[in-house]
Amino acid sequence: MIIATHSGSFHADEVTACVIFKLLDATTKIIRSRDPEELEKADYVIDVSGKFDLQKHFDHHPAEFNLSRSNGIRYATAGLIWDRFGRELLELIRRCLPNPDEISDTVINKAWKTIDRNIMQYTDLTDNGQLDSYTRSLCSLNQSEENQVYANLNRFYMHIPVVPYLVAMQNDLNGTEETQYQNFIETVDSLKVLYKKLFINTLTNARDEEKVLKSYDGSEILRLDDKLPWFEAVLNNWNCFEKCRIAIYPDHKKKGYRIQSLPGSQSSRFKNRCGAPTAWRGKELEELNRIIGIKSATFVHKTGFTGGALTKEDIEIMAKLWLEGSEP
């Protein structure tokens, strides 16, 4: 496969698009040019040419280009290529994972949406000049409380990657075309390593998020038999966990079990929905067990967001008393 993009300075937008193509086909070759005849030798022409048929040509720069997401974020090249080829790439990744049958089409679609939200949308915003106006729109004058404005912005910024800045800093503005080409390829290859793992983990996390949802019984406690991405499942399915206050799950690193408060809001990960009793906080081992009245408690964090015990019986007792004595 041959991909053509523009020469000169490069940005995260077309670099990310090339990463997607390279992950789809490791033999992909990249042309960097502004010569129309040279560009047309490629299978796909991205971020240049003034054409956007979305079959071979993917250029978001023409004045008549107006494709946007439902949230108002306009597509740039990264988003266009992810929209066109992202599911195909995730399907390819699925086939390379153990137990691929566990990953349904629903899971692939969820992972595709997550990657678009967390990576492609911000990459597009930084390239299409819309970042400032979009963040301003989150502070709508219809908001009556400053806390809500903060929550909207904070939730958005939690997912901002530093990739656009890092990519921009790989340019040599005084370099030759050959130097810039080498810089471009090295940047694509570096980002390919990072994004390959990111795509794999997003896909498996989406699979495991479904397991979390199936494990939850609607009570105040989310009980898990495996270490799963329950925190993200809560944030992504906020209304489903309206009544839930704490989670208990196996702790494979320290052995035993962990107990943890759910986040207090979608925008404040470190705000406890159900903090540990004050008397437990910062305590460990014998002192902590004496206070609680059990034998295998290991610790409670000084902020009261999490703690641990070696046995399932003790973690259940901790959970019951945690709920009864909870403090912010």
C-alpha atoms as a PDB file:
ATOM      1  CA  MET A   1       0.000   0.000   0.000  1.00  0.00           C
ATOM      2  CA  ILE A   2       1.240   3.504  -0.854  1.00  0.00           C
ATOM      3  CA  ILE A   3       0.131   6.585   1.088  1.00  0.00           C
ATOM      4  CA  ALA A   4       0.794  10.139  -0.101  1.00  0.00           C
ATOM      5  CA  THR A   5       0.767  13.242   2.063  1.00  0.00           C
ATOM      6  CA  HIS A   6       2.235  16.733   1.818  1.00  0.00           C
ATOM      7  CA  SER A   7       5.896  17.641   2.165  1.00  0.00           C
ATOM      8  CA  GLY A   8       7.211  20.391   4.453  1.00  0.00           C
ATOM      9  CA  SER A   9       6.233  20.683   8.114  1.00  0.00           C
ATOM     10  CA  PHE A  10       4.218  17.804   9.521  1.00  0.00           C
ATOM     11  CA  HIS A  11       1.654  17.542  12.296  1.00  0.00           C
ATOM     12  CA  ALA A  12       0.005  14.928  14.493  1.00  0.00           C
ATOM     13  CA  ASP A  13      -2.962  14.905  12.112  1.00  0.00           C
ATOM     14  CA  GLU A  14      -1.365  13.242   9.081  1.00  0.00           C
ATOM     15  CA  VAL A  15       1.212  11.407  11.221  1.00  0.00           C
ATOM     16  CA  THR A  16      -1.605   9.684  13.106  1.00  0.00           C
ATOM     17  CA  ALA A  17      -3.335   8.806   9.847  1.00  0.00           C
ATOM     18  CA  CYS A  18      -0.118   7.234   8.545  1.00  0.00           C
ATOM     19  CA  VAL A  19       0.229   5.247  11.779  1.00  0.00           C
ATOM     20  CA  ILE A  20      -3.217   3.743  11.161  1.00  0.00           C
ATOM     21  CA  PHE A  21      -2.218   2.716   7.647  1.00  0.00           C
ATOM     22  CA  LYS A  22       1.100   1.259   8.853  1.00  0.00           C
ATOM     23  CA  LEU A  23      -0.705  -0.806  11.477  1.00  0.00           C
ATOM     24  CA  LEU A  24      -3.109  -2.062   8.836  1.00  0.00           C
ATOM     25  CA  ASP A  25      -0.261  -3.005   6.503  1.00  0.00           C
ATOM     26  CA  ALA A  26       3.339  -3.110   7.731  1.00  0.00           C
ATOM     27  CA  THR A  27       4.612  -2.847   4.132  1.00  0.00           C
ATOM     28  CA  THR A  28       2.990   0.581   3.649  1.00  0.00           C
ATOM     29  CA  LYS A  29       5.165   3.113   1.818  1.00  0.00           C
ATOM     30  CA  ILE A  30       4.795   6.870   2.306  1.00  0.00           C
ATOM     31  CA  ILE A  31       5.241   9.607  -0.306  1.00  0.00           C
ATOM     32  CA  ARG A  32       5.664  13.218   0.836  1.00  0.00           C
ATOM     33  CA  SER A  33       5.108  15.695  -1.983  1.00  0.00           C
ATOM     34  CA  ARG A  34       2.942  18.525  -3.281  1.00  0.00           C
ATOM     35  CA  ASP A  35       3.269  17.471  -6.913  1.00  0.00           C
ATOM     36  CA  PRO A  36      -0.220  16.345  -8.082  1.00  0.00           C
ATOM     37  CA  GLU A  37       1.210  13.730 -10.439  1.00  0.00           C
ATOM     38  CA  GLU A  38       3.385  12.285  -7.691  1.00  0.00           C
ATOM     39  CA  LEU A  39       0.490  12.254  -5.206  1.00  0.00           C
ATOM     40  CA  GLU A  40      -1.776  10.350  -7.592  1.00  0.00           C
ATOM     41  CA  LYS A  41       0.658   7.422  -7.676  1.00  0.00           C
ATOM     42  CA  ALA A  42      -0.544   6.490  -4.179  1.00  0.00           C
ATOM     43  CA  ASP A  43      -3.450   4.278  -3.162  1.00  0.00           C
ATOM     44  CA  TYR A  44      -4.619   6.962  -0.719  1.00  0.00           C
ATOM     45  CA  VAL A  45      -3.877  10.691  -0.681  1.00  0.00           C
ATOM     46  CA  ILE A  46      -4.261  12.327   2.740  1.00  0.00           C
ATOM     47  CA  ASP A  47      -4.193  15.930   4.018  1.00  0.00           C
ATOM     48  CA  VAL A  48      -3.307  17.320   0.597  1.00  0.00           C
ATOM     49  CA  SER A  49      -4.631  17.575  -3.005  1.00  0.00           C
ATOM     50  CA  GLY A  50      -7.753  19.666  -2.348  1.00  0.00           C
ATOM     51  CA  LYS A  51      -9.975  16.602  -2.868  1.00  0.00           C
ATOM     52  CA  PHE A  52     -12.146  14.718  -0.407  1.00  0.00           C
ATOM     53  CA  ASP A  53     -14.042  11.938  -2.125  1.00  0.00           C
ATOM     54  CA  LEU A  54     -13.310   9.860   1.015  1.00  0.00           C
ATOM     55  CA  GLN A  55     -12.404   6.904  -1.171  1.00  0.00           C
ATOM     56  CA  LYS A  56      -8.905   7.767  -2.322  1.00  0.00           C
ATOM     57  CA  HIS A  57      -8.602  11.421  -1.314  1.00  0.00           C
ATOM     58  CA  PHE A  58      -8.909  12.619   2.297  1.00  0.00           C
ATOM     59  CA  ASP A  59      -8.166  16.346   2.460  1.00  0.00           C
ATOM     60  CA  HIS A  60     -10.100  18.438   4.990  1.00  0.00           C
ATOM     61  CA  HIS A  61      -8.630  21.783   3.869  1.00  0.00           C
ATOM     62  CA  PRO A  62     -10.971  22.779   0.972  1.00  0.00           C
ATOM     63  CA  ALA A  63     -13.430  25.552   1.876  1.00  0.00           C
ATOM     64  CA  GLU A  64     -16.391  23.385   0.951  1.00  0.00           C
ATOM     65  CA  PHE A  65     -15.365  20.586   3.327  1.00  0.00           C
ATOM     66  CA  ASN A  66     -17.809  20.653   6.253  1.00  0.00           C
ATOM     67  CA  LEU A  67     -17.945  17.165   7.774  1.00  0.00           C
ATOM     68  CA  SER A  68     -18.424  17.210  11.553  1.00  0.00           C
ATOM     69  CA  ARG A  69     -19.230  14.803  14.360  1.00  0.00           C
ATOM     70  CA  SER A  70     -22.537  15.011  16.194  1.00  0.00           C
ATOM     71  CA  ASN A  71     -20.803  16.952  18.996  1.00  0.00           C
ATOM     72  CA  GLY A  72     -19.699  19.651  16.551  1.00  0.00           C
ATOM     73  CA  ILE A  73     -16.030  18.667  16.280  1.00  0.00           C
ATOM     74  CA  ARG A  74     -15.020  18.946  12.639  1.00  0.00           C
ATOM     75  CA  TYR A  75     -13.094  16.132  11.027  1.00  0.00           C
ATOM     76  CA  ALA A  76      -9.453  16.553  10.129  1.00  0.00           C
ATOM     77  CA  THR A  77      -7.325  13.847   8.514  1.00  0.00           C
ATOM     78  CA  ALA A  78      -6.771  11.721  11.644  1.00  0.00           C
ATOM     79  CA  GLY A  79     -10.497  11.536  12.325  1.00  0.00           C
ATOM     80  CA  LEU A  80     -11.379  10.880   8.697  1.00  0.00           C
ATOM     81  CA  ILE A  81      -8.954   7.971   8.441  1.00  0.00           C
ATOM     82  CA  TRP A  82     -10.060   6.574  11.816  1.00  0.00           C
ATOM     83  CA  ASP A  83     -13.692   6.840  10.726  1.00  0.00           C
ATOM     84  CA  ARG A  84     -12.934   5.023   7.464  1.00  0.00           C
ATOM     85  CA  PHE A  85     -10.418   2.405   8.634  1.00  0.00           C
ATOM     86  CA  GLY A  86     -10.555   2.289  12.450  1.00  0.00           C
ATOM     87  CA  ARG A  87     -12.988  -0.602  12.767  1.00  0.00           C
ATOM     88  CA  GLU A  88     -11.042  -2.561  10.164  1.00  0.00           C
ATOM     89  CA  LEU A  89      -7.878  -2.071  12.220  1.00  0.00           C
ATOM     90  CA  LEU A  90      -9.567  -3.142  15.452  1.00  0.00           C
ATOM     91  CA  GLU A  91     -10.904  -6.242  13.695  1.00  0.00           C
ATOM     92  CA  LEU A  92      -7.359  -7.060  12.595  1.00  0.00           C
ATOM     93  CA  ILE A  93      -6.147  -6.624  16.175  1.00  0.00           C
ATOM     94  CA  ARG A  94      -8.984  -8.807  17.471  1.00  0.00           C
ATOM     95  CA  ARG A  95      -7.893 -11.711  15.290  1.00  0.00           C
ATOM     96  CA  CYS A  96      -4.375 -11.519  16.747  1.00  0.00           C
ATOM     97  CA  LEU A  97      -5.487 -11.632  20.401  1.00  0.00           C
ATOM     98  CA  PRO A  98      -6.033 -14.712  22.572  1.00  0.00           C
ATOM     99  CA  ASN A  99      -9.693 -15.776  22.666  1.00  0.00           C
ATOM    100  CA  PRO A 100     -10.834 -13.435  19.880  1.00  0.00           C
ATOM    101  CA  ASP A 101     -14.388 -14.787  20.143  1.00  0.00           C
ATOM    102  CA  GLU A 102     -14.729 -12.930  23.455  1.00  0.00           C
ATOM    103  CA  ILE A 103     -14.577  -9.647  21.551  1.00  0.00           C
ATOM    104  CA  SER A 104     -17.942  -9.002  19.944  1.00  0.00           C
ATOM    105  CA  ASP A 105     -18.806  -6.461  17.273  1.00  0.00           C
ATOM    106  CA  THR A 106     -20.380  -4.391  20.060  1.00  0.00           C
ATOM    107  CA  VAL A 107     -17.052  -4.331  21.890  1.00  0.00           C
ATOM    108  CA  ILE A 108     -15.207  -3.301  18.719  1.00  0.00           C
ATOM    109  CA  ASN A 109     -17.635  -0.455  18.190  1.00  0.00           C
ATOM    110  CA  LYS A 110     -17.258   0.681  21.808  1.00  0.00           C
ATOM    111  CA  ALA A 111     -13.449   0.632  21.499  1.00  0.00           C
ATOM    112  CA  TRP A 112     -13.655   2.511  18.200  1.00  0.00           C
ATOM    113  CA  LYS A 113     -15.759   5.245  19.837  1.00  0.00           C
ATOM    114  CA  THR A 114     -13.421   5.449  22.837  1.00  0.00           C
ATOM    115  CA  ILE A 115     -10.357   5.934  20.638  1.00  0.00           C
ATOM    116  CA  ASP A 116     -12.165   8.549  18.577  1.00  0.00           C
ATOM    117  CA  ARG A 117     -13.167  10.419  21.749  1.00  0.00           C
ATOM    118  CA  ASN A 118      -9.863  10.173  23.594  1.00  0.00           C
ATOM    119  CA  ILE A 119      -7.377  10.516  20.717  1.00  0.00           C
ATOM    120  CA  MET A 120      -8.777  11.465  17.319  1.00  0.00           C
ATOM    121  CA  GLN A 121     -11.121  14.257  18.374  1.00  0.00           C
ATOM    122  CA  TYR A 122      -8.410  16.229  20.155  1.00  0.00           C
ATOM    123  CA  THR A 123      -5.950  15.571  17.338  1.00  0.00           C
ATOM    124  CA  ASP A 124      -8.535  16.948  14.898  1.00  0.00           C
ATOM    125  CA  LEU A 125      -9.262  19.969  17.107  1.00  0.00           C
ATOM    126  CA  THR A 126      -5.587  20.935  17.252  1.00  0.00           C
ATOM    127  CA  ASP A 127      -5.275  20.709  13.471  1.00  0.00           C
ATOM    128  CA  ASN A 128      -8.485  22.337  12.278  1.00  0.00           C
ATOM    129  CA  GLY A 129      -8.164  25.451  14.459  1.00  0.00           C
ATOM    130  CA  GLN A 130     -11.321  24.664  16.385  1.00  0.00           C
ATOM    131  CA  LEU A 131      -9.809  23.908  19.802  1.00  0.00           C
ATOM    132  CA  ASP A 132     -10.424  27.340  21.313  1.00  0.00           C
ATOM    133  CA  SER A 133     -13.983  27.704  20.044  1.00  0.00           C
ATOM    134  CA  TYR A 134     -14.856  24.163  21.114  1.00  0.00           C
ATOM    135  CA  THR A 135     -13.578  24.614  24.658  1.00  0.00           C
ATOM    136  CA  ARG A 136     -15.420  27.932  24.847  1.00  0.00           C
ATOM    137  CA  SER A 137     -18.600  26.146  23.813  1.00  0.00           C
ATOM    138  CA  LEU A 138     -18.230  23.869  26.830  1.00  0.00           C
ATOM    139  CA  CYS A 139     -18.560  27.016  28.982  1.00  0.00           C
ATOM    140  CA  SER A 140     -21.977  27.815  27.580  1.00  0.00           C
ATOM    141  CA  LEU A 141     -23.570  30.951  28.991  1.00  0.00           C
ATOM    142  CA  ASN A 142     -26.557  28.767  29.808  1.00  0.00           C
ATOM    143  CA  GLN A 143     -24.564  27.222  32.662  1.00  0.00           C
ATOM    144  CA  SER A 144     -25.779  28.702  35.923  1.00  0.00           C
ATOM    145  CA  GLU A 145     -22.987  27.535  38.219  1.00  0.00           C
ATOM    146  CA  GLU A 146     -19.227  27.879  37.887  1.00  0.00           C
ATOM    147  CA  ASN A 147     -18.798  24.340  39.241  1.00  0.00           C
ATOM    148  CA  GLN A 148     -20.571  22.914  36.206  1.00  0.00           C
ATOM    149  CA  VAL A 149     -18.351  24.917  33.849  1.00  0.00           C
ATOM    150  CA  TYR A 150     -15.303  23.521  35.631  1.00  0.00           C
ATOM    151  CA  ALA A 151     -16.675  19.967  35.451  1.00  0.00           C
ATOM    152  CA  ASN A 152     -17.270  20.196  31.691  1.00  0.00           C
ATOM    153  CA  LEU A 153     -13.779  21.497  31.023  1.00  0.00           C
ATOM    154  CA  ASN A 154     -12.035  19.168  33.443  1.00  0.00           C
ATOM    155  CA  ARG A 155     -13.706  16.084  31.995  1.00  0.00           C
ATOM    156  CA  PHE A 156     -12.660  17.164  28.502  1.00  0.00           C
ATOM    157  CA  TYR A 157      -9.048  17.881  29.455  1.00  0.00           C
ATOM    158  CA  MET A 158      -8.627  14.554  31.259  1.00  0.00           C
ATOM    159  CA  HIS A 159      -8.309  12.894  27.843  1.00  0.00           C
ATOM    160  CA  ILE A 160      -5.956  15.360  26.138  1.00  0.00           C
ATOM    161  CA  PRO A 161      -2.863  13.567  24.806  1.00  0.00           C
ATOM    162  CA  VAL A 162       0.435  15.399  24.441  1.00  0.00           C
ATOM    163  CA  VAL A 163       0.999  13.878  21.014  1.00  0.00           C
ATOM    164  CA  PRO A 164       0.322  17.028  18.910  1.00  0.00           C
ATOM    165  CA  TYR A 165       3.031  18.956  20.766  1.00  0.00           C
ATOM    166  CA  LEU A 166       5.516  16.084  20.633  1.00  0.00           C
ATOM    167  CA  VAL A 167       4.981  15.594  16.909  1.00  0.00           C
ATOM    168  CA  ALA A 168       5.350  19.298  16.168  1.00  0.00           C
ATOM    169  CA  MET A 169       8.690  19.277  17.971  1.00  0.00           C
ATOM    170  CA  GLN A 170      10.074  16.634  15.597  1.00  0.00           C
ATOM    171  CA  ASN A 171      10.186  19.115  12.714  1.00  0.00           C
ATOM    172  CA  ASP A 172      13.451  20.667  11.564  1.00  0.00           C
ATOM    173  CA  LEU A 173      12.264  23.940  10.098  1.00  0.00           C
ATOM    174  CA  ASN A 174      15.643  24.598   8.485  1.00  0.00           C
ATOM    175  CA  GLY A 175      16.142  21.023   7.341  1.00  0.00           C
ATOM    176  CA  THR A 176      16.151  19.706   3.796  1.00  0.00           C
ATOM    177  CA  GLU A 177      13.278  17.718   2.351  1.00  0.00           C
ATOM    178  CA  GLU A 178      15.344  14.580   2.911  1.00  0.00           C
ATOM    179  CA  THR A 179      15.866  15.496   6.571  1.00  0.00           C
ATOM    180  CA  GLN A 180      12.189  16.219   7.042  1.00  0.00           C
ATOM    181  CA  TYR A 181      11.224  12.970   5.369  1.00  0.00           C
ATOM    182  CA  GLN A 182      13.457  11.060   7.774  1.00  0.00           C
ATOM    183  CA  ASN A 183      12.025  12.992  10.723  1.00  0.00           C
ATOM    184  CA  PHE A 184       8.511  12.187   9.532  1.00  0.00           C
ATOM    185  CA  ILE A 185       9.154   8.455   9.155  1.00  0.00           C
ATOM    186  CA  GLU A 186      10.866   8.244  12.542  1.00  0.00           C
ATOM    187  CA  THR A 187       7.911  10.021  14.146  1.00  0.00           C
ATOM    188  CA  VAL A 188       5.424   7.686  12.471  1.00  0.00           C
ATOM    189  CA  ASP A 189       7.398   4.649  13.618  1.00  0.00           C
ATOM    190  CA  SER A 190       7.628   5.954  17.193  1.00  0.00           C
ATOM    191  CA  LEU A 191       3.942   6.759  17.390  1.00  0.00           C
ATOM    192  CA  LYS A 192       3.119   3.406  15.836  1.00  0.00           C
ATOM    193  CA  VAL A 193       4.664   1.640  18.849  1.00  0.00           C
ATOM    194  CA  LEU A 194       2.640   3.733  21.295  1.00  0.00           C
ATOM    195  CA  TYR A 195      -0.651   3.561  19.436  1.00  0.00           C
ATOM    196  CA  LYS A 196      -0.465  -0.154  18.726  1.00  0.00           C
ATOM    197  CA  LYS A 197      -0.441  -0.886  22.455  1.00  0.00           C
ATOM    198  CA  LEU A 198      -3.060   1.778  23.081  1.00  0.00           C
ATOM    199  CA  PHE A 199      -5.400   0.250  20.505  1.00  0.00           C
ATOM    200  CA  ILE A 200      -4.888  -3.251  21.915  1.00  0.00           C
ATOM    201  CA  ASN A 201      -5.563  -2.161  25.493  1.00  0.00           C
ATOM    202  CA  THR A 202      -8.564  -0.056  24.534  1.00  0.00           C
ATOM    203  CA  LEU A 203     -10.045  -3.067  22.768  1.00  0.00           C
ATOM    204  CA  THR A 204      -9.434  -5.466  25.672  1.00  0.00           C
ATOM    205  CA  ASN A 205     -10.643  -2.858  28.173  1.00  0.00           C
ATOM    206  CA  ALA A 206     -13.872  -2.475  26.206  1.00  0.00           C
ATOM    207  CA  ARG A 207     -14.276  -6.257  26.381  1.00  0.00           C
ATOM    208  CA  ASP A 208     -13.616  -6.293  30.120  1.00  0.00           C
ATOM    209  CA  GLU A 209     -15.914  -3.331  30.693  1.00  0.00           C
ATOM    210  CA  GLU A 210     -18.760  -5.542  29.513  1.00  0.00           C
ATOM    211  CA  LYS A 211     -17.729  -8.071  32.178  1.00  0.00           C
ATOM    212  CA  VAL A 212     -17.903  -5.362  34.835  1.00  0.00           C
ATOM    213  CA  LEU A 213     -21.415  -4.398  33.780  1.00  0.00           C
ATOM    214  CA  LYS A 214     -22.523  -8.025  33.946  1.00  0.00           C
ATOM    215  CA  SER A 215     -20.993  -8.397  37.437  1.00  0.00           C
ATOM    216  CA  TYR A 216     -22.837  -5.450  38.972  1.00  0.00           C
ATOM    217  CA  ASP A 217     -26.096  -6.293  40.768  1.00  0.00           C
ATOM    218  CA  GLY A 218     -27.311  -2.753  41.363  1.00  0.00           C
ATOM    219  CA  SER A 219     -26.331  -2.616  45.051  1.00  0.00           C
ATOM    220  CA  GLU A 220     -24.000  -0.291  46.977  1.00  0.00           C
ATOM    221  CA  ILE A 221     -21.061  -2.647  46.375  1.00  0.00           C
ATOM    222  CA  LEU A 222     -19.513  -3.653  43.058  1.00  0.00           C
ATOM    223  CA  ARG A 223     -17.995  -7.109  43.636  1.00  0.00           C
ATOM    224  CA  LEU A 224     -15.481  -8.449  41.129  1.00  0.00           C
ATOM    225  CA  ASP A 225     -13.740 -11.824  40.990  1.00  0.00           C
ATOM    226  CA  ASP A 226     -11.019 -10.533  38.635  1.00  0.00           C
ATOM    227  CA  LYS A 227      -9.021  -7.329  38.284  1.00  0.00           C
ATOM    228  CA  LEU A 228     -11.007  -5.503  35.624  1.00  0.00           C
ATOM    229  CA  PRO A 229     -11.104  -1.858  34.442  1.00  0.00           C
ATOM    230  CA  TRP A 230     -14.054  -1.117  36.714  1.00  0.00           C
ATOM    231  CA  PHE A 231     -13.118   2.529  37.317  1.00  0.00           C
ATOM    232  CA  GLU A 232     -13.399   3.348  33.611  1.00  0.00           C
ATOM    233  CA  ALA A 233     -16.579   1.265  33.409  1.00  0.00           C
ATOM    234  CA  VAL A 234     -18.119   3.462  36.110  1.00  0.00           C
ATOM    235  CA  LEU A 235     -17.090   6.697  34.379  1.00  0.00           C
ATOM    236  CA  ASN A 236     -18.334   5.471  30.996  1.00  0.00           C
ATOM    237  CA  ASN A 237     -21.644   4.108  32.348  1.00  0.00           C
ATOM    238  CA  TRP A 238     -22.298   6.656  35.068  1.00  0.00           C
ATOM    239  CA  ASN A 239     -26.049   6.229  35.394  1.00  0.00           C
ATOM    240  CA  CYS A 240     -25.772   2.451  35.750  1.00  0.00           C
ATOM    241  CA  PHE A 241     -23.759   2.884  38.957  1.00  0.00           C
ATOM    242  CA  GLU A 242     -25.916   5.581  40.532  1.00  0.00           C
ATOM    243  CA  LYS A 243     -26.499   3.533  43.712  1.00  0.00           C
ATOM    244  CA  CYS A 244     -23.012   2.012  43.918  1.00  0.00           C
ATOM    245  CA  ARG A 245     -20.567   3.477  46.464  1.00  0.00           C
ATOM    246  CA  ILE A 246     -17.557   1.145  46.706  1.00  0.00           C
ATOM    247  CA  ALA A 247     -15.872  -1.662  44.769  1.00  0.00           C
ATOM    248  CA  ILE A 248     -14.043  -4.754  46.047  1.00  0.00           C
ATOM    249  CA  TYR A 249     -11.754  -6.776  43.806  1.00  0.00           C
ATOM    250  CA  PRO A 250      -8.689  -9.080  43.908  1.00  0.00           C
ATOM    251  CA  ASP A 251      -5.300  -7.436  44.417  1.00  0.00           C
ATOM    252  CA  HIS A 252      -2.850  -9.515  42.386  1.00  0.00           C
ATOM    253  CA  LYS A 253       0.166  -7.346  43.184  1.00  0.00           C
ATOM    254  CA  LYS A 254      -0.088  -7.296  46.958  1.00  0.00           C
ATOM    255  CA  LYS A 255      -2.214 -10.453  47.163  1.00  0.00           C
ATOM    256  CA  GLY A 256      -5.565 -10.512  48.887  1.00  0.00           C
ATOM    257  CA  TYR A 257      -8.289  -7.989  48.080  1.00  0.00           C
ATOM    258  CA  ARG A 258      -8.768  -4.274  47.624  1.00  0.00           C
ATOM    259  CA  ILE A 259     -11.620  -1.975  48.521  1.00  0.00           C
ATOM    260  CA  GLN A 260     -12.040   1.391  46.839  1.00  0.00           C
ATOM    261  CA  SER A 261     -14.476   4.268  46.755  1.00  0.00           C
ATOM    262  CA  LEU A 262     -16.149   5.066  43.475  1.00  0.00           C
ATOM    263  CA  PRO A 263     -15.284   8.527  42.114  1.00  0.00           C
ATOM    264  CA  GLY A 264     -17.421  11.362  43.376  1.00  0.00           C
ATOM    265  CA  SER A 265     -18.051  12.723  39.898  1.00  0.00           C
ATOM    266  CA  GLN A 266     -17.083  12.117  36.303  1.00  0.00           C
ATOM    267  CA  SER A 267     -14.829  15.167  36.356  1.00  0.00           C
ATOM    268  CA  SER A 268     -13.102  14.603  39.717  1.00  0.00           C
ATOM    269  CA  ARG A 269     -11.437  11.205  39.861  1.00  0.00           C
ATOM    270  CA  PHE A 270      -9.866  11.921  43.267  1.00  0.00           C
ATOM    271  CA  LYS A 271     -13.076  12.958  44.978  1.00  0.00           C
ATOM    272  CA  ASN A 272     -14.486  10.066  46.997  1.00  0.00           C
ATOM    273  CA  ARG A 273     -18.090   9.056  46.650  1.00  0.00           C
ATOM    274  CA  CYS A 274     -17.669   7.001  49.818  1.00  0.00           C
ATOM    275  CA  GLY A 275     -14.452   7.683  51.754  1.00  0.00           C
ATOM    276  CA  ALA A 276     -13.181   5.380  54.496  1.00  0.00           C
ATOM    277  CA  PRO A 277     -13.961   6.179  58.149  1.00  0.00           C
ATOM    278  CA  THR A 278     -11.503   8.824  59.367  1.00  0.00           C
ATOM    279  CA  ALA A 279     -10.157   6.575  62.153  1.00  0.00           C
ATOM    280  CA  TRP A 280      -8.936   4.053  59.549  1.00  0.00           C
ATOM    281  CA  ARG A 281      -7.069   6.456  57.311  1.00  0.00           C
ATOM    282  CA  GLY A 282      -3.306   6.121  57.143  1.00  0.00           C
ATOM    283  CA  LYS A 283      -3.370   3.047  59.386  1.00  0.00           C
ATOM    284  CA  GLU A 284      -1.751  -0.330  58.630  1.00  0.00           C
ATOM    285  CA  LEU A 285      -1.609  -3.955  59.813  1.00  0.00           C
ATOM    286  CA  GLU A 286      -1.972  -4.512  63.585  1.00  0.00           C
ATOM    287  CA  GLU A 287      -3.168  -1.009  64.407  1.00  0.00           C
ATOM    288  CA  LEU A 288      -5.716  -1.045  61.589  1.00  0.00           C
ATOM    289  CA  ASN A 289      -6.959  -4.558  62.466  1.00  0.00           C
ATOM    290  CA  ARG A 290      -7.412  -3.524  66.080  1.00  0.00           C
ATOM    291  CA  ILE A 291      -9.515  -0.520  65.074  1.00  0.00           C
ATOM    292  CA  ILE A 292     -11.690  -2.488  62.649  1.00  0.00           C
ATOM    293  CA  GLY A 293     -11.886  -5.732  64.630  1.00  0.00           C
ATOM    294  CA  ILE A 294     -10.565  -8.105  61.971  1.00  0.00           C
ATOM    295  CA  LYS A 295      -7.279  -9.945  61.387  1.00  0.00           C
ATOM    296  CA  SER A 296      -6.008  -9.504  57.811  1.00  0.00           C
ATOM    297  CA  ALA A 297      -6.460  -5.800  56.971  1.00  0.00           C
ATOM    298  CA  THR A 298      -3.273  -4.464  55.383  1.00  0.00           C
ATOM    299  CA  PHE A 299      -3.772  -0.724  54.978  1.00  0.00           C
ATOM    300  CA  VAL A 300      -6.112   2.180  54.327  1.00  0.00           C
ATOM    301  CA  HIS A 301      -4.775   5.090  52.286  1.00  0.00           C
ATOM    302  CA  LYS A 302      -4.455   8.381  54.125  1.00  0.00           C
ATOM    303  CA  THR A 303      -6.978  10.041  51.798  1.00  0.00           C
ATOM    304  CA  GLY A 304      -9.517   7.281  52.485  1.00  0.00           C
ATOM    305  CA  PHE A 305     -10.050   6.274  48.885  1.00  0.00           C
ATOM    306  CA  THR A 306      -8.768   2.687  49.102  1.00  0.00           C
ATOM    307  CA  GLY A 307      -7.597  -0.078  51.427  1.00  0.00           C
ATOM    308  CA  GLY A 308      -6.862  -3.790  51.504  1.00  0.00           C
ATOM    309  CA  ALA A 309      -7.169  -7.103  53.332  1.00  0.00           C
ATOM    310  CA  LEU A 310      -5.776 -10.577  52.743  1.00  0.00           C
ATOM    311  CA  THR A 311      -9.015 -12.565  52.995  1.00  0.00           C
ATOM    312  CA  LYS A 312     -12.327 -12.230  51.232  1.00  0.00           C
ATOM    313  CA  GLU A 313     -14.170 -12.524  54.547  1.00  0.00           C
ATOM    314  CA  ASP A 314     -12.309  -9.549  56.006  1.00  0.00           C
ATOM    315  CA  ILE A 315     -12.717  -7.386  52.907  1.00  0.00           C
ATOM    316  CA  GLU A 316     -16.475  -7.996  53.100  1.00  0.00           C
ATOM    317  CA  ILE A 317     -16.491  -6.916  56.757  1.00  0.00           C
ATOM    318  CA  MET A 318     -14.449  -3.858  55.856  1.00  0.00           C
ATOM    319  CA  ALA A 319     -16.928  -3.033  53.100  1.00  0.00           C
ATOM    320  CA  LYS A 320     -19.910  -3.236  55.468  1.00  0.00           C
ATOM    321  CA  LEU A 321     -18.262  -1.068  58.138  1.00  0.00           C
ATOM    322  CA  TRP A 322     -16.830   1.272  55.459  1.00  0.00           C
ATOM    323  CA  LEU A 323     -20.333   1.996  54.212  1.00  0.00           C
ATOM    324  CA  GLU A 324     -21.679   2.524  57.752  1.00  0.00           C
ATOM    325  CA  GLY A 325     -18.888   4.885  58.806  1.00  0.00           C
ATOM    326  CA  SER A 326     -18.180   6.573  55.492  1.00  0.00           C
ATOM    327  CA  GLU A 327     -16.971  10.168  55.468  1.00  0.00           C
ATOM    328  CA  PRO A 328     -16.095  12.488  52.551  1.00  0.00           C
END
